[in-house]
Amino acid sequence: MNDTLANLVVGLASLVSLICFILVLIQMFQRGATGMGIACIVLGFCCGLGGLIAFVYGWTKARPWNMNNLMTVWTVAAVIDVVAGIMNPAPIWIVRDTLHF
């Protein structure tokens, strides 16, 4: 996979993941899980764990909140993001060469 295609795939998958994260946050606030929504936003900005917490919480509430399709799309986007990143680790080598490791 060439760099441009891999970057495009990672970018699109990341954008889909971000949109799914926002939609799950909206569901949290609409369904009365305001504390969890605020925690996901704060932890997302502070240490990046908000997305993971929202992902797990979203899957636990997927059936009661009728968002199985949303969570499936988010899972597929996350898997594509990871696989595309593994198949093209070019940015890692650029950082390594820049830092002279």
C-alpha atoms as a PDB file:
ATOM      1  CA  MET A   1       0.000   0.000   0.000  1.00  0.00           C
ATOM      2  CA  ASN A   2       1.537   3.317  -0.975  1.00  0.00           C
ATOM      3  CA  ASP A   3       1.789   6.206   1.449  1.00  0.00           C
ATOM      4  CA  THR A   4      -0.887   8.382  -0.122  1.00  0.00           C
ATOM      5  CA  LEU A   5      -3.499   5.638  -0.195  1.00  0.00           C
ATOM      6  CA  ALA A   6      -2.686   4.552   3.352  1.00  0.00           C
ATOM      7  CA  ASN A   7      -2.910   8.128   4.602  1.00  0.00           C
ATOM      8  CA  LEU A   8      -6.258   8.535   2.840  1.00  0.00           C
ATOM      9  CA  VAL A   9      -7.618   5.302   4.343  1.00  0.00           C
ATOM     10  CA  VAL A  10      -6.400   6.213   7.843  1.00  0.00           C
ATOM     11  CA  GLY A  11      -7.811   9.724   7.490  1.00  0.00           C
ATOM     12  CA  LEU A  12     -11.241   8.537   6.353  1.00  0.00           C
ATOM     13  CA  ALA A  13     -11.422   5.819   9.008  1.00  0.00           C
ATOM     14  CA  SER A  14     -10.394   8.325  11.676  1.00  0.00           C
ATOM     15  CA  LEU A  15     -13.028  10.792  10.492  1.00  0.00           C
ATOM     16  CA  VAL A  16     -15.712   8.092  10.639  1.00  0.00           C
ATOM     17  CA  SER A  17     -14.522   7.150  14.137  1.00  0.00           C
ATOM     18  CA  LEU A  18     -14.725  10.769  15.270  1.00  0.00           C
ATOM     19  CA  ILE A  19     -18.251  11.126  13.893  1.00  0.00           C
ATOM     20  CA  CYS A  20     -19.306   7.898  15.638  1.00  0.00           C
ATOM     21  CA  PHE A  21     -17.752   9.139  18.891  1.00  0.00           C
ATOM     22  CA  ILE A  22     -19.750  12.364  18.650  1.00  0.00           C
ATOM     23  CA  LEU A  23     -22.967  10.455  17.896  1.00  0.00           C
ATOM     24  CA  VAL A  24     -22.443   8.195  20.929  1.00  0.00           C
ATOM     25  CA  LEU A  25     -21.821  11.281  23.075  1.00  0.00           C
ATOM     26  CA  ILE A  26     -25.077  12.783  21.817  1.00  0.00           C
ATOM     27  CA  GLN A  27     -26.889   9.562  22.755  1.00  0.00           C
ATOM     28  CA  MET A  28     -25.334   9.702  26.230  1.00  0.00           C
ATOM     29  CA  PHE A  29     -26.667  13.190  26.843  1.00  0.00           C
ATOM     30  CA  GLN A  30     -30.089  12.390  25.375  1.00  0.00           C
ATOM     31  CA  ARG A  31     -30.473   9.199  27.432  1.00  0.00           C
ATOM     32  CA  GLY A  32     -29.549  10.720  30.789  1.00  0.00           C
ATOM     33  CA  ALA A  33     -25.943   9.525  31.037  1.00  0.00           C
ATOM     34  CA  THR A  34     -24.695  13.099  31.336  1.00  0.00           C
ATOM     35  CA  GLY A  35     -21.931  12.254  33.794  1.00  0.00           C
ATOM     36  CA  MET A  36     -20.542   9.598  31.482  1.00  0.00           C
ATOM     37  CA  GLY A  37     -20.726  11.992  28.540  1.00  0.00           C
ATOM     38  CA  ILE A  38     -18.851  14.712  30.402  1.00  0.00           C
ATOM     39  CA  ALA A  39     -16.278  12.175  31.617  1.00  0.00           C
ATOM     40  CA  CYS A  40     -15.690  10.977  28.048  1.00  0.00           C
ATOM     41  CA  ILE A  41     -15.220  14.528  26.785  1.00  0.00           C
ATOM     42  CA  VAL A  42     -12.839  15.508  29.610  1.00  0.00           C
ATOM     43  CA  LEU A  43     -10.840  12.275  29.426  1.00  0.00           C
ATOM     44  CA  GLY A  44     -10.726  12.568  25.646  1.00  0.00           C
ATOM     45  CA  PHE A  45      -9.047  15.947  25.874  1.00  0.00           C
ATOM     46  CA  CYS A  46      -6.842  15.157  28.885  1.00  0.00           C
ATOM     47  CA  CYS A  47      -5.421  11.737  28.103  1.00  0.00           C
ATOM     48  CA  GLY A  48      -7.212  10.317  25.083  1.00  0.00           C
ATOM     49  CA  LEU A  49      -9.177   7.690  27.006  1.00  0.00           C
ATOM     50  CA  GLY A  50     -12.576   9.252  26.388  1.00  0.00           C
ATOM     51  CA  GLY A  51     -12.961   7.568  23.013  1.00  0.00           C
ATOM     52  CA  LEU A  52     -12.182   4.140  24.420  1.00  0.00           C
ATOM     53  CA  ILE A  53     -14.599   4.616  27.305  1.00  0.00           C
ATOM     54  CA  ALA A  54     -17.327   5.841  24.944  1.00  0.00           C
ATOM     55  CA  PHE A  55     -16.646   2.875  22.653  1.00  0.00           C
ATOM     56  CA  VAL A  56     -17.021   0.309  25.440  1.00  0.00           C
ATOM     57  CA  TYR A  57     -20.002   2.105  26.986  1.00  0.00           C
ATOM     58  CA  GLY A  58     -21.596   2.406  23.559  1.00  0.00           C
ATOM     59  CA  TRP A  59     -21.355  -1.337  23.022  1.00  0.00           C
ATOM     60  CA  THR A  60     -22.836  -2.029  26.445  1.00  0.00           C
ATOM     61  CA  LYS A  61     -25.798   0.237  25.629  1.00  0.00           C
ATOM     62  CA  ALA A  62     -26.076  -0.649  21.912  1.00  0.00           C
ATOM     63  CA  ARG A  63     -29.240  -2.757  22.213  1.00  0.00           C
ATOM     64  CA  PRO A  64     -31.168  -0.694  24.764  1.00  0.00           C
ATOM     65  CA  TRP A  65     -30.364   2.535  22.909  1.00  0.00           C
ATOM     66  CA  ASN A  66     -30.906   0.950  19.464  1.00  0.00           C
ATOM     67  CA  MET A  67     -27.496   1.874  18.053  1.00  0.00           C
ATOM     68  CA  ASN A  68     -26.129  -1.492  16.928  1.00  0.00           C
ATOM     69  CA  ASN A  69     -25.485  -0.180  13.414  1.00  0.00           C
ATOM     70  CA  LEU A  70     -23.613   2.851  14.716  1.00  0.00           C
ATOM     71  CA  MET A  71     -21.392   0.720  16.939  1.00  0.00           C
ATOM     72  CA  THR A  72     -20.746  -1.730  14.091  1.00  0.00           C
ATOM     73  CA  VAL A  73     -19.663   1.122  11.822  1.00  0.00           C
ATOM     74  CA  TRP A  74     -17.415   2.494  14.576  1.00  0.00           C
ATOM     75  CA  THR A  75     -15.850  -0.945  15.123  1.00  0.00           C
ATOM     76  CA  VAL A  76     -15.190  -1.453  11.408  1.00  0.00           C
ATOM     77  CA  ALA A  77     -13.680   2.041  11.144  1.00  0.00           C
ATOM     78  CA  ALA A  78     -11.424   1.382  14.142  1.00  0.00           C
ATOM     79  CA  VAL A  79     -10.249  -1.954  12.709  1.00  0.00           C
ATOM     80  CA  ILE A  80      -9.559  -0.375   9.305  1.00  0.00           C
ATOM     81  CA  ASP A  81      -7.662   2.426  11.042  1.00  0.00           C
ATOM     82  CA  VAL A  82      -5.454  -0.011  12.960  1.00  0.00           C
ATOM     83  CA  VAL A  83      -4.850  -2.331   9.990  1.00  0.00           C
ATOM     84  CA  ALA A  84      -3.987   0.556   7.650  1.00  0.00           C
ATOM     85  CA  GLY A  85      -1.623   1.958  10.267  1.00  0.00           C
ATOM     86  CA  ILE A  86       0.102  -1.407  10.657  1.00  0.00           C
ATOM     87  CA  MET A  87       0.399  -1.948   6.917  1.00  0.00           C
ATOM     88  CA  ASN A  88       2.017   1.449   6.387  1.00  0.00           C
ATOM     89  CA  PRO A  89       4.186   2.453   9.353  1.00  0.00           C
ATOM     90  CA  ALA A  90       5.890   5.229   7.351  1.00  0.00           C
ATOM     91  CA  PRO A  91       5.259   8.031   9.871  1.00  0.00           C
ATOM     92  CA  ILE A  92       7.045   5.990  12.544  1.00  0.00           C
ATOM     93  CA  TRP A  93      10.158   5.749  10.375  1.00  0.00           C
ATOM     94  CA  ILE A  94      10.053   9.465   9.639  1.00  0.00           C
ATOM     95  CA  VAL A  95       9.984  10.242  13.357  1.00  0.00           C
ATOM     96  CA  ARG A  96      12.792   7.758  13.997  1.00  0.00           C
ATOM     97  CA  ASP A  97      14.978   9.291  11.277  1.00  0.00           C
ATOM     98  CA  THR A  98      14.191  12.808  12.475  1.00  0.00           C
ATOM     99  CA  LEU A  99      15.196  11.983  16.050  1.00  0.00           C
ATOM    100  CA  HIS A 100      18.249  10.011  14.841  1.00  0.00           C
ATOM    101  CA  PHE A 101      17.473   6.774  16.666  1.00  0.00           C
END
